[in-house]
Amino acid sequence: MPLLELRNKDLLSIADLEPEEIRLILEAGAICKAKQRAGEIFVPLLGKTLGMIFHKPSARTRASFDIGMYQLGGHSILMKDEDIGLDTREPVEDVARLFSRYMDAVVIRTFDHDLLCRFAQH
């Protein structure tokens, strides 16, 4: 059984979450943190891949997702904007379909919230 299951597959804004969902996220985080501190092997994301698209660079965001995936047994792959050409060389819709075939989850850090919404539609 998953540690946490949200009703939506896309999280575009914290405002999209119900208070109970926020509580569950915080509770899942506390469980993960406690297991990590106790030195327990806890790999609920074993075999899962996270794609990260950074339109807007951020050391903290990248480090937290990279390390989190590693500690929980998953793998992350970074795709910088210059690698993809998101919405310049490659349409957002095509990249979204490609990533959804190959990856279990996607994190996008961008200057353009509309781009994120378009990605989520596809």
PDB file of N, CA and C in Angstrom:
ATOM      1  N   MET A   1       0.845  -1.177   0.000  1.00  0.00           N
ATOM      2  CA  MET A   1       0.000   0.000   0.000  1.00  0.00           C
ATOM      3  C   MET A   1       0.892   1.244   0.000  1.00  0.00           C
ATOM      4  N   PRO A   2       0.567   2.227  -0.847  1.00  0.00           N
ATOM      5  CA  PRO A   2       1.392   3.436  -0.902  1.00  0.00           C
ATOM      6  C   PRO A   2       1.367   4.191   0.420  1.00  0.00           C
ATOM      7  N   LEU A   3       2.460   4.864   0.684  1.00  0.00           N
ATOM      8  CA  LEU A   3       2.557   5.681   1.888  1.00  0.00           C
ATOM      9  C   LEU A   3       1.536   6.819   1.843  1.00  0.00           C
ATOM     10  N   LEU A   4       1.298   7.318   0.647  1.00  0.00           N
ATOM     11  CA  LEU A   4       0.419   8.461   0.486  1.00  0.00           C
ATOM     12  C   LEU A   4      -0.203   8.407  -0.899  1.00  0.00           C
ATOM     13  N   GLU A   5      -1.493   8.596  -0.976  1.00  0.00           N
ATOM     14  CA  GLU A   5      -2.153   8.664  -2.272  1.00  0.00           C
ATOM     15  C   GLU A   5      -3.002   9.927  -2.317  1.00  0.00           C
ATOM     16  N   LEU A   6      -2.688  10.806  -3.246  1.00  0.00           N
ATOM     17  CA  LEU A   6      -3.469  12.022  -3.417  1.00  0.00           C
ATOM     18  C   LEU A   6      -4.561  11.780  -4.451  1.00  0.00           C
ATOM     19  N   ARG A   7      -5.631  12.526  -4.369  1.00  0.00           N
ATOM     20  CA  ARG A   7      -6.745  12.330  -5.289  1.00  0.00           C
ATOM     21  C   ARG A   7      -6.413  12.784  -6.701  1.00  0.00           C
ATOM     22  N   ASN A   8      -5.528  13.740  -6.855  1.00  0.00           N
ATOM     23  CA  ASN A   8      -5.134  14.238  -8.172  1.00  0.00           C
ATOM     24  C   ASN A   8      -3.749  13.741  -8.528  1.00  0.00           C
ATOM     25  N   LYS A   9      -3.522  13.527  -9.789  1.00  0.00           N
ATOM     26  CA  LYS A   9      -2.176  13.135 -10.177  1.00  0.00           C
ATOM     27  C   LYS A   9      -1.306  14.352 -10.422  1.00  0.00           C
ATOM     28  N   ASP A  10      -1.920  15.523 -10.641  1.00  0.00           N
ATOM     29  CA  ASP A  10      -1.164  16.749 -10.884  1.00  0.00           C
ATOM     30  C   ASP A  10      -1.312  17.689  -9.700  1.00  0.00           C
ATOM     31  N   LEU A  11      -0.193  18.196  -9.216  1.00  0.00           N
ATOM     32  CA  LEU A  11      -0.218  19.183  -8.144  1.00  0.00           C
ATOM     33  C   LEU A  11       0.363  20.469  -8.714  1.00  0.00           C
ATOM     34  N   LEU A  12      -0.514  21.362  -9.111  1.00  0.00           N
ATOM     35  CA  LEU A  12      -0.101  22.601  -9.758  1.00  0.00           C
ATOM     36  C   LEU A  12      -0.037  23.772  -8.788  1.00  0.00           C
ATOM     37  N   SER A  13      -0.741  23.633  -7.666  1.00  0.00           N
ATOM     38  CA  SER A  13      -0.765  24.688  -6.668  1.00  0.00           C
ATOM     39  C   SER A  13      -1.141  24.067  -5.328  1.00  0.00           C
ATOM     40  N   ILE A  14      -0.557  24.560  -4.267  1.00  0.00           N
ATOM     41  CA  ILE A  14      -0.900  24.077  -2.932  1.00  0.00           C
ATOM     42  C   ILE A  14      -2.383  24.329  -2.653  1.00  0.00           C
ATOM     43  N   ALA A  15      -2.953  25.323  -3.315  1.00  0.00           N
ATOM     44  CA  ALA A  15      -4.374  25.638  -3.136  1.00  0.00           C
ATOM     45  C   ALA A  15      -5.272  24.534  -3.687  1.00  0.00           C
ATOM     46  N   ASP A  16      -4.718  23.635  -4.518  1.00  0.00           N
ATOM     47  CA  ASP A  16      -5.489  22.513  -5.060  1.00  0.00           C
ATOM     48  C   ASP A  16      -5.726  21.414  -4.030  1.00  0.00           C
ATOM     49  N   LEU A  17      -5.017  21.475  -2.914  1.00  0.00           N
ATOM     50  CA  LEU A  17      -5.107  20.426  -1.903  1.00  0.00           C
ATOM     51  C   LEU A  17      -6.141  20.749  -0.832  1.00  0.00           C
ATOM     52  N   GLU A  18      -6.800  19.708  -0.376  1.00  0.00           N
ATOM     53  CA  GLU A  18      -7.706  19.827   0.765  1.00  0.00           C
ATOM     54  C   GLU A  18      -6.854  19.808   2.044  1.00  0.00           C
ATOM     55  N   PRO A  19      -7.355  20.373   3.130  1.00  0.00           N
ATOM     56  CA  PRO A  19      -6.585  20.349   4.386  1.00  0.00           C
ATOM     57  C   PRO A  19      -6.155  18.931   4.797  1.00  0.00           C
ATOM     58  N   GLU A  20      -7.029  17.941   4.592  1.00  0.00           N
ATOM     59  CA  GLU A  20      -6.695  16.559   4.951  1.00  0.00           C
ATOM     60  C   GLU A  20      -5.527  16.038   4.109  1.00  0.00           C
ATOM     61  N   GLU A  21      -5.474  16.429   2.843  1.00  0.00           N
ATOM     62  CA  GLU A  21      -4.374  15.996   1.979  1.00  0.00           C
ATOM     63  C   GLU A  21      -3.055  16.621   2.433  1.00  0.00           C
ATOM     64  N   ILE A  22      -3.100  17.868   2.843  1.00  0.00           N
ATOM     65  CA  ILE A  22      -1.892  18.521   3.366  1.00  0.00           C
ATOM     66  C   ILE A  22      -1.428  17.808   4.630  1.00  0.00           C
ATOM     67  N   ARG A  23      -2.368  17.459   5.501  1.00  0.00           N
ATOM     68  CA  ARG A  23      -2.025  16.721   6.721  1.00  0.00           C
ATOM     69  C   ARG A  23      -1.374  15.390   6.377  1.00  0.00           C
ATOM     70  N   LEU A  24      -1.909  14.671   5.392  1.00  0.00           N
ATOM     71  CA  LEU A  24      -1.345  13.384   4.984  1.00  0.00           C
ATOM     72  C   LEU A  24       0.061  13.528   4.411  1.00  0.00           C
ATOM     73  N   ILE A  25       0.293  14.583   3.651  1.00  0.00           N
ATOM     74  CA  ILE A  25       1.629  14.838   3.099  1.00  0.00           C
ATOM     75  C   ILE A  25       2.630  15.075   4.226  1.00  0.00           C
ATOM     76  N   LEU A  26       2.241  15.907   5.192  1.00  0.00           N
ATOM     77  CA  LEU A  26       3.135  16.187   6.318  1.00  0.00           C
ATOM     78  C   LEU A  26       3.379  14.929   7.154  1.00  0.00           C
ATOM     79  N   GLU A  27       2.348  14.127   7.332  1.00  0.00           N
ATOM     80  CA  GLU A  27       2.476  12.873   8.078  1.00  0.00           C
ATOM     81  C   GLU A  27       3.417  11.906   7.349  1.00  0.00           C
ATOM     82  N   ALA A  28       3.276  11.792   6.033  1.00  0.00           N
ATOM     83  CA  ALA A  28       4.152  10.919   5.248  1.00  0.00           C
ATOM     84  C   ALA A  28       5.595  11.399   5.338  1.00  0.00           C
ATOM     85  N   GLY A  29       5.788  12.708   5.301  1.00  0.00           N
ATOM     86  CA  GLY A  29       7.130  13.272   5.438  1.00  0.00           C
ATOM     87  C   GLY A  29       7.747  12.944   6.785  1.00  0.00           C
ATOM     88  N   ALA A  30       6.953  13.037   7.829  1.00  0.00           N
ATOM     89  CA  ALA A  30       7.443  12.720   9.172  1.00  0.00           C
ATOM     90  C   ALA A  30       7.831  11.246   9.279  1.00  0.00           C
ATOM     91  N   ILE A  31       7.056  10.373   8.672  1.00  0.00           N
ATOM     92  CA  ILE A  31       7.369   8.937   8.680  1.00  0.00           C
ATOM     93  C   ILE A  31       8.689   8.691   7.949  1.00  0.00           C
ATOM     94  N   CYS A  32       8.835   9.283   6.780  1.00  0.00           N
ATOM     95  CA  CYS A  32      10.076   9.119   6.000  1.00  0.00           C
ATOM     96  C   CYS A  32      11.287   9.625   6.779  1.00  0.00           C
ATOM     97  N   LYS A  33      11.134  10.786   7.388  1.00  0.00           N
ATOM     98  CA  LYS A  33      12.232  11.390   8.160  1.00  0.00           C
ATOM     99  C   LYS A  33      12.618  10.510   9.346  1.00  0.00           C
ATOM    100  N   ALA A  34      11.623   9.992  10.063  1.00  0.00           N
ATOM    101  CA  ALA A  34      11.891   9.141  11.229  1.00  0.00           C
ATOM    102  C   ALA A  34      12.613   7.860  10.817  1.00  0.00           C
ATOM    103  N   LYS A  35      12.188   7.259   9.736  1.00  0.00           N
ATOM    104  CA  LYS A  35      12.846   6.031   9.260  1.00  0.00           C
ATOM    105  C   LYS A  35      14.280   6.322   8.827  1.00  0.00           C
ATOM    106  N   GLN A  36      14.494   7.457   8.159  1.00  0.00           N
ATOM    107  CA  GLN A  36      15.840   7.853   7.729  1.00  0.00           C
ATOM    108  C   GLN A  36      16.749   8.053   8.945  1.00  0.00           C
ATOM    109  N   ARG A  37      16.254   8.761   9.941  1.00  0.00           N
ATOM    110  CA  ARG A  37      17.041   9.023  11.163  1.00  0.00           C
ATOM    111  C   ARG A  37      17.370   7.735  11.912  1.00  0.00           C
ATOM    112  N   ALA A  38      16.443   6.780  11.874  1.00  0.00           N
ATOM    113  CA  ALA A  38      16.641   5.509  12.574  1.00  0.00           C
ATOM    114  C   ALA A  38      17.551   4.563  11.786  1.00  0.00           C
ATOM    115  N   GLY A  39      17.935   4.971  10.591  1.00  0.00           N
ATOM    116  CA  GLY A  39      18.811   4.130   9.775  1.00  0.00           C
ATOM    117  C   GLY A  39      18.090   2.957   9.127  1.00  0.00           C
ATOM    118  N   GLU A  40      16.768   3.011   9.088  1.00  0.00           N
ATOM    119  CA  GLU A  40      16.000   1.926   8.467  1.00  0.00           C
ATOM    120  C   GLU A  40      16.087   2.018   6.950  1.00  0.00           C
ATOM    121  N   ILE A  41      16.161   0.877   6.322  1.00  0.00           N
ATOM    122  CA  ILE A  41      16.075   0.848   4.867  1.00  0.00           C
ATOM    123  C   ILE A  41      14.605   0.977   4.515  1.00  0.00           C
ATOM    124  N   PHE A  42      14.286   2.060   3.850  1.00  0.00           N
ATOM    125  CA  PHE A  42      12.904   2.388   3.520  1.00  0.00           C
ATOM    126  C   PHE A  42      12.903   2.924   2.098  1.00  0.00           C
ATOM    127  N   VAL A  43      12.506   2.093   1.164  1.00  0.00           N
ATOM    128  CA  VAL A  43      12.622   2.455  -0.245  1.00  0.00           C
ATOM    129  C   VAL A  43      11.281   2.332  -0.987  1.00  0.00           C
ATOM    130  N   PRO A  44      10.288   3.131  -0.594  1.00  0.00           N
ATOM    131  CA  PRO A  44       8.981   3.032  -1.243  1.00  0.00           C
ATOM    132  C   PRO A  44       8.991   3.466  -2.707  1.00  0.00           C
ATOM    133  N   LEU A  45      10.054   4.141  -3.131  1.00  0.00           N
ATOM    134  CA  LEU A  45      10.139   4.584  -4.523  1.00  0.00           C
ATOM    135  C   LEU A  45      11.116   3.743  -5.339  1.00  0.00           C
ATOM    136  N   LEU A  46      11.434   2.566  -4.840  1.00  0.00           N
ATOM    137  CA  LEU A  46      12.345   1.667  -5.549  1.00  0.00           C
ATOM    138  C   LEU A  46      11.814   1.394  -6.955  1.00  0.00           C
ATOM    139  N   GLY A  47      12.671   1.601  -7.937  1.00  0.00           N
ATOM    140  CA  GLY A  47      12.287   1.368  -9.322  1.00  0.00           C
ATOM    141  C   GLY A  47      11.522   2.512  -9.965  1.00  0.00           C
ATOM    142  N   LYS A  48      11.333   3.598  -9.243  1.00  0.00           N
ATOM    143  CA  LYS A  48      10.601   4.755  -9.778  1.00  0.00           C
ATOM    144  C   LYS A  48      11.585   5.816 -10.266  1.00  0.00           C
ATOM    145  N   THR A  49      11.172   6.552 -11.291  1.00  0.00           N
ATOM    146  CA  THR A  49      12.018   7.599 -11.865  1.00  0.00           C
ATOM    147  C   THR A  49      11.284   8.933 -11.833  1.00  0.00           C
ATOM    148  N   LEU A  50      11.992   9.952 -11.387  1.00  0.00           N
ATOM    149  CA  LEU A  50      11.497  11.316 -11.347  1.00  0.00           C
ATOM    150  C   LEU A  50      12.222  12.130 -12.404  1.00  0.00           C
ATOM    151  N   GLY A  51      11.480  12.736 -13.313  1.00  0.00           N
ATOM    152  CA  GLY A  51      12.059  13.674 -14.273  1.00  0.00           C
ATOM    153  C   GLY A  51      11.971  15.075 -13.706  1.00  0.00           C
ATOM    154  N   MET A  52      13.067  15.810 -13.799  1.00  0.00           N
ATOM    155  CA  MET A  52      13.088  17.185 -13.308  1.00  0.00           C
ATOM    156  C   MET A  52      13.422  18.111 -14.466  1.00  0.00           C
ATOM    157  N   ILE A  53      12.526  19.053 -14.725  1.00  0.00           N
ATOM    158  CA  ILE A  53      12.751  20.058 -15.760  1.00  0.00           C
ATOM    159  C   ILE A  53      12.963  21.389 -15.061  1.00  0.00           C
ATOM    160  N   PHE A  54      14.115  21.992 -15.306  1.00  0.00           N
ATOM    161  CA  PHE A  54      14.435  23.267 -14.674  1.00  0.00           C
ATOM    162  C   PHE A  54      14.502  24.354 -15.740  1.00  0.00           C
ATOM    163  N   HIS A  55      13.394  25.057 -15.873  1.00  0.00           N
ATOM    164  CA  HIS A  55      13.292  26.238 -16.702  1.00  0.00           C
ATOM    165  C   HIS A  55      13.914  27.395 -15.921  1.00  0.00           C
ATOM    166  N   LYS A  56      13.720  27.328 -14.610  1.00  0.00           N
ATOM    167  CA  LYS A  56      14.204  28.333 -13.656  1.00  0.00           C
ATOM    168  C   LYS A  56      15.120  27.591 -12.683  1.00  0.00           C
ATOM    169  N   PRO A  57      16.425  27.842 -12.723  1.00  0.00           N
ATOM    170  CA  PRO A  57      17.350  27.077 -11.882  1.00  0.00           C
ATOM    171  C   PRO A  57      17.133  27.295 -10.382  1.00  0.00           C
ATOM    172  N   SER A  58      17.448  26.252  -9.604  1.00  0.00           N
ATOM    173  CA  SER A  58      17.378  26.346  -8.150  1.00  0.00           C
ATOM    174  C   SER A  58      18.192  25.223  -7.538  1.00  0.00           C
ATOM    175  N   ALA A  59      19.229  25.584  -6.805  1.00  0.00           N
ATOM    176  CA  ALA A  59      20.070  24.580  -6.146  1.00  0.00           C
ATOM    177  C   ALA A  59      19.290  23.826  -5.072  1.00  0.00           C
ATOM    178  N   ARG A  60      18.508  24.541  -4.258  1.00  0.00           N
ATOM    179  CA  ARG A  60      17.774  23.886  -3.170  1.00  0.00           C
ATOM    180  C   ARG A  60      16.722  22.925  -3.689  1.00  0.00           C
ATOM    181  N   THR A  61      15.974  23.343  -4.714  1.00  0.00           N
ATOM    182  CA  THR A  61      14.930  22.472  -5.260  1.00  0.00           C
ATOM    183  C   THR A  61      15.548  21.225  -5.866  1.00  0.00           C
ATOM    184  N   ARG A  62      16.590  21.409  -6.652  1.00  0.00           N
ATOM    185  CA  ARG A  62      17.231  20.261  -7.284  1.00  0.00           C
ATOM    186  C   ARG A  62      17.807  19.317  -6.235  1.00  0.00           C
ATOM    187  N   ALA A  63      18.537  19.855  -5.274  1.00  0.00           N
ATOM    188  CA  ALA A  63      19.157  19.012  -4.252  1.00  0.00           C
ATOM    189  C   ALA A  63      18.098  18.251  -3.454  1.00  0.00           C
ATOM    190  N   SER A  64      17.018  18.911  -3.066  1.00  0.00           N
ATOM    191  CA  SER A  64      16.018  18.238  -2.242  1.00  0.00           C
ATOM    192  C   SER A  64      15.322  17.109  -2.996  1.00  0.00           C
ATOM    193  N   PHE A  65      14.999  17.310  -4.266  1.00  0.00           N
ATOM    194  CA  PHE A  65      14.353  16.243  -5.028  1.00  0.00           C
ATOM    195  C   PHE A  65      15.335  15.123  -5.371  1.00  0.00           C
ATOM    196  N   ASP A  66      16.560  15.487  -5.753  1.00  0.00           N
ATOM    197  CA  ASP A  66      17.583  14.476  -6.070  1.00  0.00           C
ATOM    198  C   ASP A  66      17.869  13.585  -4.861  1.00  0.00           C
ATOM    199  N   ILE A  67      18.141  14.215  -3.737  1.00  0.00           N
ATOM    200  CA  ILE A  67      18.477  13.471  -2.522  1.00  0.00           C
ATOM    201  C   ILE A  67      17.274  12.682  -2.022  1.00  0.00           C
ATOM    202  N   GLY A  68      16.098  13.291  -2.059  1.00  0.00           N
ATOM    203  CA  GLY A  68      14.882  12.595  -1.622  1.00  0.00           C
ATOM    204  C   GLY A  68      14.624  11.335  -2.434  1.00  0.00           C
ATOM    205  N   MET A  69      14.747  11.427  -3.753  1.00  0.00           N
ATOM    206  CA  MET A  69      14.549  10.242  -4.601  1.00  0.00           C
ATOM    207  C   MET A  69      15.578   9.172  -4.270  1.00  0.00           C
ATOM    208  N   TYR A  70      16.828   9.569  -4.111  1.00  0.00           N
ATOM    209  CA  TYR A  70      17.887   8.605  -3.782  1.00  0.00           C
ATOM    210  C   TYR A  70      17.598   7.913  -2.449  1.00  0.00           C
ATOM    211  N   GLN A  71      17.276   8.700  -1.420  1.00  0.00           N
ATOM    212  CA  GLN A  71      17.046   8.135  -0.092  1.00  0.00           C
ATOM    213  C   GLN A  71      15.822   7.215  -0.056  1.00  0.00           C
ATOM    214  N   LEU A  72      14.860   7.442  -0.929  1.00  0.00           N
ATOM    215  CA  LEU A  72      13.646   6.631  -0.948  1.00  0.00           C
ATOM    216  C   LEU A  72      13.700   5.525  -2.000  1.00  0.00           C
ATOM    217  N   GLY A  73      14.878   5.326  -2.593  1.00  0.00           N
ATOM    218  CA  GLY A  73      15.088   4.197  -3.496  1.00  0.00           C
ATOM    219  C   GLY A  73      14.868   4.472  -4.964  1.00  0.00           C
ATOM    220  N   GLY A  74      14.490   5.682  -5.316  1.00  0.00           N
ATOM    221  CA  GLY A  74      14.231   6.010  -6.713  1.00  0.00           C
ATOM    222  C   GLY A  74      15.417   6.651  -7.386  1.00  0.00           C
ATOM    223  N   HIS A  75      15.180   7.096  -8.600  1.00  0.00           N
ATOM    224  CA  HIS A  75      16.211   7.720  -9.418  1.00  0.00           C
ATOM    225  C   HIS A  75      15.638   9.004 -10.001  1.00  0.00           C
ATOM    226  N   SER A  76      16.470  10.024 -10.097  1.00  0.00           N
ATOM    227  CA  SER A  76      16.012  11.260 -10.729  1.00  0.00           C
ATOM    228  C   SER A  76      16.894  11.577 -11.926  1.00  0.00           C
ATOM    229  N   ILE A  77      16.292  12.238 -12.892  1.00  0.00           N
ATOM    230  CA  ILE A  77      17.029  12.664 -14.072  1.00  0.00           C
ATOM    231  C   ILE A  77      16.734  14.140 -14.290  1.00  0.00           C
ATOM    232  N   LEU A  78      17.792  14.922 -14.459  1.00  0.00           N
ATOM    233  CA  LEU A  78      17.660  16.364 -14.638  1.00  0.00           C
ATOM    234  C   LEU A  78      17.680  16.691 -16.119  1.00  0.00           C
ATOM    235  N   MET A  79      16.710  17.465 -16.544  1.00  0.00           N
ATOM    236  CA  MET A  79      16.666  17.972 -17.910  1.00  0.00           C
ATOM    237  C   MET A  79      16.610  19.493 -17.816  1.00  0.00           C
ATOM    238  N   LYS A  80      17.717  20.135 -18.168  1.00  0.00           N
ATOM    239  CA  LYS A  80      17.735  21.594 -18.156  1.00  0.00           C
ATOM    240  C   LYS A  80      17.014  22.110 -19.393  1.00  0.00           C
ATOM    241  N   ASP A  81      16.599  23.351 -19.322  1.00  0.00           N
ATOM    242  CA  ASP A  81      15.863  23.930 -20.443  1.00  0.00           C
ATOM    243  C   ASP A  81      16.676  23.880 -21.735  1.00  0.00           C
ATOM    244  N   GLU A  82      17.996  24.086 -21.640  1.00  0.00           N
ATOM    245  CA  GLU A  82      18.825  24.047 -22.860  1.00  0.00           C
ATOM    246  C   GLU A  82      18.913  22.642 -23.455  1.00  0.00           C
ATOM    247  N   ASP A  83      18.650  21.609 -22.644  1.00  0.00           N
ATOM    248  CA  ASP A  83      18.622  20.231 -23.152  1.00  0.00           C
ATOM    249  C   ASP A  83      17.350  19.948 -23.944  1.00  0.00           C
ATOM    250  N   ILE A  84      16.264  20.578 -23.538  1.00  0.00           N
ATOM    251  CA  ILE A  84      14.952  20.275 -24.109  1.00  0.00           C
ATOM    252  C   ILE A  84      14.501  21.336 -25.109  1.00  0.00           C
ATOM    253  N   GLY A  85      14.703  22.589 -24.754  1.00  0.00           N
ATOM    254  CA  GLY A  85      14.141  23.667 -25.562  1.00  0.00           C
ATOM    255  C   GLY A  85      12.631  23.689 -25.400  1.00  0.00           C
ATOM    256  N   LEU A  86      12.211  23.568 -24.157  1.00  0.00           N
ATOM    257  CA  LEU A  86      10.783  23.466 -23.844  1.00  0.00           C
ATOM    258  C   LEU A  86      10.019  24.665 -24.392  1.00  0.00           C
ATOM    259  N   ASP A  87       9.104  24.370 -25.279  1.00  0.00           N
ATOM    260  CA  ASP A  87       8.224  25.330 -25.940  1.00  0.00           C
ATOM    261  C   ASP A  87       8.953  26.236 -26.934  1.00  0.00           C
ATOM    262  N   THR A  88      10.208  25.906 -27.242  1.00  0.00           N
ATOM    263  CA  THR A  88      10.912  26.601 -28.331  1.00  0.00           C
ATOM    264  C   THR A  88      11.238  25.563 -29.407  1.00  0.00           C
ATOM    265  N   ARG A  89      12.164  24.646 -29.102  1.00  0.00           N
ATOM    266  CA  ARG A  89      12.467  23.550 -30.037  1.00  0.00           C
ATOM    267  C   ARG A  89      11.434  22.437 -29.953  1.00  0.00           C
ATOM    268  N   GLU A  90      10.993  22.151 -28.738  1.00  0.00           N
ATOM    269  CA  GLU A  90      10.057  21.043 -28.499  1.00  0.00           C
ATOM    270  C   GLU A  90       8.770  21.583 -27.888  1.00  0.00           C
ATOM    271  N   PRO A  91       7.627  21.296 -28.500  1.00  0.00           N
ATOM    272  CA  PRO A  91       6.354  21.738 -27.901  1.00  0.00           C
ATOM    273  C   PRO A  91       6.136  21.100 -26.528  1.00  0.00           C
ATOM    274  N   VAL A  92       5.558  21.865 -25.629  1.00  0.00           N
ATOM    275  CA  VAL A  92       5.280  21.388 -24.270  1.00  0.00           C
ATOM    276  C   VAL A  92       4.492  20.083 -24.316  1.00  0.00           C
ATOM    277  N   GLU A  93       3.515  20.015 -25.200  1.00  0.00           N
ATOM    278  CA  GLU A  93       2.648  18.851 -25.292  1.00  0.00           C
ATOM    279  C   GLU A  93       3.442  17.583 -25.633  1.00  0.00           C
ATOM    280  N   ASP A  94       4.402  17.693 -26.558  1.00  0.00           N
ATOM    281  CA  ASP A  94       5.221  16.539 -26.941  1.00  0.00           C
ATOM    282  C   ASP A  94       6.121  16.084 -25.798  1.00  0.00           C
ATOM    283  N   VAL A  95       6.735  17.039 -25.113  1.00  0.00           N
ATOM    284  CA  VAL A  95       7.608  16.699 -23.981  1.00  0.00           C
ATOM    285  C   VAL A  95       6.781  16.042 -22.868  1.00  0.00           C
ATOM    286  N   ALA A  96       5.585  16.552 -22.615  1.00  0.00           N
ATOM    287  CA  ALA A  96       4.712  15.980 -21.575  1.00  0.00           C
ATOM    288  C   ALA A  96       4.364  14.532 -21.908  1.00  0.00           C
ATOM    289  N   ARG A  97       4.001  14.263 -23.150  1.00  0.00           N
ATOM    290  CA  ARG A  97       3.659  12.885 -23.536  1.00  0.00           C
ATOM    291  C   ARG A  97       4.879  11.967 -23.419  1.00  0.00           C
ATOM    292  N   LEU A  98       6.035  12.443 -23.851  1.00  0.00           N
ATOM    293  CA  LEU A  98       7.260  11.653 -23.764  1.00  0.00           C
ATOM    294  C   LEU A  98       7.604  11.334 -22.310  1.00  0.00           C
ATOM    295  N   PHE A  99       7.606  12.365 -21.465  1.00  0.00           N
ATOM    296  CA  PHE A  99       7.953  12.158 -20.064  1.00  0.00           C
ATOM    297  C   PHE A  99       6.957  11.220 -19.381  1.00  0.00           C
ATOM    298  N   SER A 100       5.679  11.325 -19.719  1.00  0.00           N
ATOM    299  CA  SER A 100       4.689  10.471 -19.058  1.00  0.00           C
ATOM    300  C   SER A 100       4.862   9.010 -19.446  1.00  0.00           C
ATOM    301  N   ARG A 101       5.460   8.748 -20.588  1.00  0.00           N
ATOM    302  CA  ARG A 101       5.736   7.358 -20.990  1.00  0.00           C
ATOM    303  C   ARG A 101       6.928   6.775 -20.245  1.00  0.00           C
ATOM    304  N   TYR A 102       7.930   7.600 -19.984  1.00  0.00           N
ATOM    305  CA  TYR A 102       9.183   7.103 -19.431  1.00  0.00           C
ATOM    306  C   TYR A 102       9.354   7.305 -17.932  1.00  0.00           C
ATOM    307  N   MET A 103       8.643   8.230 -17.358  1.00  0.00           N
ATOM    308  CA  MET A 103       8.881   8.598 -15.961  1.00  0.00           C
ATOM    309  C   MET A 103       7.633   8.419 -15.120  1.00  0.00           C
ATOM    310  N   ASP A 104       7.854   8.179 -13.851  1.00  0.00           N
ATOM    311  CA  ASP A 104       6.748   7.988 -12.914  1.00  0.00           C
ATOM    312  C   ASP A 104       6.219   9.306 -12.366  1.00  0.00           C
ATOM    313  N   ALA A 105       7.068  10.315 -12.342  1.00  0.00           N
ATOM    314  CA  ALA A 105       6.671  11.633 -11.835  1.00  0.00           C
ATOM    315  C   ALA A 105       7.555  12.688 -12.491  1.00  0.00           C
ATOM    316  N   VAL A 106       7.043  13.907 -12.530  1.00  0.00           N
ATOM    317  CA  VAL A 106       7.786  15.022 -13.118  1.00  0.00           C
ATOM    318  C   VAL A 106       7.662  16.231 -12.198  1.00  0.00           C
ATOM    319  N   VAL A 107       8.790  16.888 -11.997  1.00  0.00           N
ATOM    320  CA  VAL A 107       8.832  18.152 -11.266  1.00  0.00           C
ATOM    321  C   VAL A 107       9.283  19.201 -12.269  1.00  0.00           C
ATOM    322  N   ILE A 108       8.571  20.307 -12.317  1.00  0.00           N
ATOM    323  CA  ILE A 108       8.954  21.392 -13.224  1.00  0.00           C
ATOM    324  C   ILE A 108       9.113  22.670 -12.410  1.00  0.00           C
ATOM    325  N   ARG A 109      10.242  23.302 -12.580  1.00  0.00           N
ATOM    326  CA  ARG A 109      10.470  24.624 -11.965  1.00  0.00           C
ATOM    327  C   ARG A 109      10.563  25.604 -13.123  1.00  0.00           C
ATOM    328  N   THR A 110       9.590  26.497 -13.183  1.00  0.00           N
ATOM    329  CA  THR A 110       9.485  27.387 -14.327  1.00  0.00           C
ATOM    330  C   THR A 110       9.088  28.795 -13.915  1.00  0.00           C
ATOM    331  N   PHE A 111       9.303  29.724 -14.823  1.00  0.00           N
ATOM    332  CA  PHE A 111       8.852  31.104 -14.623  1.00  0.00           C
ATOM    333  C   PHE A 111       7.389  31.258 -15.048  1.00  0.00           C
ATOM    334  N   ASP A 112       6.874  30.291 -15.827  1.00  0.00           N
ATOM    335  CA  ASP A 112       5.592  30.419 -16.507  1.00  0.00           C
ATOM    336  C   ASP A 112       4.602  29.355 -16.022  1.00  0.00           C
ATOM    337  N   HIS A 113       3.679  29.744 -15.143  1.00  0.00           N
ATOM    338  CA  HIS A 113       2.708  28.796 -14.598  1.00  0.00           C
ATOM    339  C   HIS A 113       1.809  28.217 -15.695  1.00  0.00           C
ATOM    340  N   ASP A 114       1.516  28.993 -16.714  1.00  0.00           N
ATOM    341  CA  ASP A 114       0.695  28.493 -17.825  1.00  0.00           C
ATOM    342  C   ASP A 114       1.373  27.328 -18.536  1.00  0.00           C
ATOM    343  N   LEU A 115       2.694  27.387 -18.664  1.00  0.00           N
ATOM    344  CA  LEU A 115       3.455  26.279 -19.265  1.00  0.00           C
ATOM    345  C   LEU A 115       3.265  25.016 -18.437  1.00  0.00           C
ATOM    346  N   LEU A 116       3.325  25.164 -17.136  1.00  0.00           N
ATOM    347  CA  LEU A 116       3.118  24.028 -16.227  1.00  0.00           C
ATOM    348  C   LEU A 116       1.714  23.437 -16.402  1.00  0.00           C
ATOM    349  N   CYS A 117       0.719  24.285 -16.504  1.00  0.00           N
ATOM    350  CA  CYS A 117      -0.655  23.812 -16.690  1.00  0.00           C
ATOM    351  C   CYS A 117      -0.820  23.091 -18.031  1.00  0.00           C
ATOM    352  N   ARG A 118      -0.210  23.605 -19.070  1.00  0.00           N
ATOM    353  CA  ARG A 118      -0.256  22.949 -20.384  1.00  0.00           C
ATOM    354  C   ARG A 118       0.420  21.590 -20.315  1.00  0.00           C
ATOM    355  N   PHE A 119       1.541  21.512 -19.628  1.00  0.00           N
ATOM    356  CA  PHE A 119       2.264  20.239 -19.465  1.00  0.00           C
ATOM    357  C   PHE A 119       1.343  19.224 -18.779  1.00  0.00           C
ATOM    358  N   ALA A 120       0.681  19.648 -17.725  1.00  0.00           N
ATOM    359  CA  ALA A 120      -0.180  18.748 -16.956  1.00  0.00           C
ATOM    360  C   ALA A 120      -1.364  18.248 -17.772  1.00  0.00           C
ATOM    361  N   GLN A 121      -1.839  19.022 -18.698  1.00  0.00           N
ATOM    362  CA  GLN A 121      -2.972  18.594 -19.539  1.00  0.00           C
ATOM    363  C   GLN A 121      -2.632  17.409 -20.425  1.00  0.00           C
ATOM    364  N   HIS A 122      -1.350  17.250 -20.716  1.00  0.00           N
ATOM    365  CA  HIS A 122      -0.933  16.214 -21.660  1.00  0.00           C
ATOM    366  C   HIS A 122      -0.123  15.126 -20.995  1.00  0.00           C
TER     367      HIS A 122
END
